[in-house]
Amino acid sequence: NAYRYAGVVEAAYLIENITVEIIADGVHLPKPLLQLVINLRELINSSVYRCNEKCGNK
């Protein structure tokens, strides 16, 4: 059952000294994964970029 195993996104958080880049527009990642990033933001090297209409936001 694939729902019981961490996927690529979750596995990335297990690698030390990794920079994680996400598109936080609610389309590319579901809200629970965005919440995971928010909860772990102090533990990961993260940058925030604003998404505009070119990303699909209007």
C-alpha atoms as a PDB file:
ATOM      1  CA  ASN A   1       0.000   0.000   0.000  1.00  0.00           C
ATOM      2  CA  ALA A   2       1.758   3.154  -1.230  1.00  0.00           C
ATOM      3  CA  TYR A   3      -0.135   5.356   1.233  1.00  0.00           C
ATOM      4  CA  ARG A   4       1.855   3.901   4.126  1.00  0.00           C
ATOM      5  CA  TYR A   5       5.286   4.920   2.859  1.00  0.00           C
ATOM      6  CA  ALA A   6       6.962   8.297   2.661  1.00  0.00           C
ATOM      7  CA  GLY A   7       7.252   9.639  -0.847  1.00  0.00           C
ATOM      8  CA  VAL A   8       9.936  11.757  -2.481  1.00  0.00           C
ATOM      9  CA  VAL A   9       8.744  14.946  -0.790  1.00  0.00           C
ATOM     10  CA  GLU A  10       8.759  13.441   2.686  1.00  0.00           C
ATOM     11  CA  ALA A  11      12.059  11.651   2.105  1.00  0.00           C
ATOM     12  CA  ALA A  12      13.719  14.960   1.210  1.00  0.00           C
ATOM     13  CA  TYR A  13      13.185  16.134   4.782  1.00  0.00           C
ATOM     14  CA  LEU A  14      15.259  13.208   6.074  1.00  0.00           C
ATOM     15  CA  ILE A  15      18.419  14.275   4.215  1.00  0.00           C
ATOM     16  CA  GLU A  16      20.724  16.543   6.209  1.00  0.00           C
ATOM     17  CA  ASN A  17      21.893  19.816   4.633  1.00  0.00           C
ATOM     18  CA  ILE A  18      19.324  19.768   1.861  1.00  0.00           C
ATOM     19  CA  THR A  19      17.585  22.806   0.433  1.00  0.00           C
ATOM     20  CA  VAL A  20      13.930  22.154  -0.304  1.00  0.00           C
ATOM     21  CA  GLU A  21      12.047  24.137  -2.920  1.00  0.00           C
ATOM     22  CA  ILE A  22       8.281  23.957  -3.197  1.00  0.00           C
ATOM     23  CA  ILE A  23       5.571  25.745  -5.137  1.00  0.00           C
ATOM     24  CA  ALA A  24       3.172  26.773  -2.380  1.00  0.00           C
ATOM     25  CA  ASP A  25       0.176  27.661  -4.494  1.00  0.00           C
ATOM     26  CA  GLY A  26      -2.177  24.987  -3.182  1.00  0.00           C
ATOM     27  CA  VAL A  27      -2.104  23.222  -6.551  1.00  0.00           C
ATOM     28  CA  HIS A  28       1.357  21.679  -6.748  1.00  0.00           C
ATOM     29  CA  LEU A  29       1.307  20.410  -3.153  1.00  0.00           C
ATOM     30  CA  PRO A  30      -1.746  19.674  -1.018  1.00  0.00           C
ATOM     31  CA  LYS A  31      -2.376  21.720   2.113  1.00  0.00           C
ATOM     32  CA  PRO A  32      -1.175  18.989   4.539  1.00  0.00           C
ATOM     33  CA  LEU A  33       2.272  18.964   2.900  1.00  0.00           C
ATOM     34  CA  LEU A  34       2.424  22.757   2.964  1.00  0.00           C
ATOM     35  CA  GLN A  35       1.620  22.596   6.683  1.00  0.00           C
ATOM     36  CA  LEU A  36       4.453  20.089   7.113  1.00  0.00           C
ATOM     37  CA  VAL A  37       6.867  22.567   5.517  1.00  0.00           C
ATOM     38  CA  ILE A  38       5.627  25.323   7.823  1.00  0.00           C
ATOM     39  CA  ASN A  39       6.072  23.087  10.862  1.00  0.00           C
ATOM     40  CA  LEU A  40       9.608  22.119   9.801  1.00  0.00           C
ATOM     41  CA  ARG A  41      10.737  25.522   8.513  1.00  0.00           C
ATOM     42  CA  GLU A  42      13.231  26.009  11.339  1.00  0.00           C
ATOM     43  CA  LEU A  43      14.836  22.651  10.603  1.00  0.00           C
ATOM     44  CA  ILE A  44      15.266  23.094   6.855  1.00  0.00           C
ATOM     45  CA  ASN A  45      16.986  25.634   4.645  1.00  0.00           C
ATOM     46  CA  SER A  46      14.053  27.326   2.958  1.00  0.00           C
ATOM     47  CA  SER A  47      13.369  30.325   0.774  1.00  0.00           C
ATOM     48  CA  VAL A  48      10.028  31.932   0.064  1.00  0.00           C
ATOM     49  CA  TYR A  49       9.047  33.099  -3.393  1.00  0.00           C
ATOM     50  CA  ARG A  50       5.794  34.769  -4.273  1.00  0.00           C
ATOM     51  CA  CYS A  51       3.822  33.037  -6.992  1.00  0.00           C
ATOM     52  CA  ASN A  52       2.063  35.221  -9.541  1.00  0.00           C
ATOM     53  CA  GLU A  53      -0.384  34.676 -12.386  1.00  0.00           C
ATOM     54  CA  LYS A  54       2.287  32.812 -14.373  1.00  0.00           C
ATOM     55  CA  CYS A  55       1.998  30.059 -11.745  1.00  0.00           C
ATOM     56  CA  GLY A  56      -1.731  29.831 -12.253  1.00  0.00           C
ATOM     57  CA  ASN A  57      -2.845  32.264  -9.551  1.00  0.00           C
ATOM     58  CA  LYS A  58      -5.186  35.054 -10.578  1.00  0.00           C
END
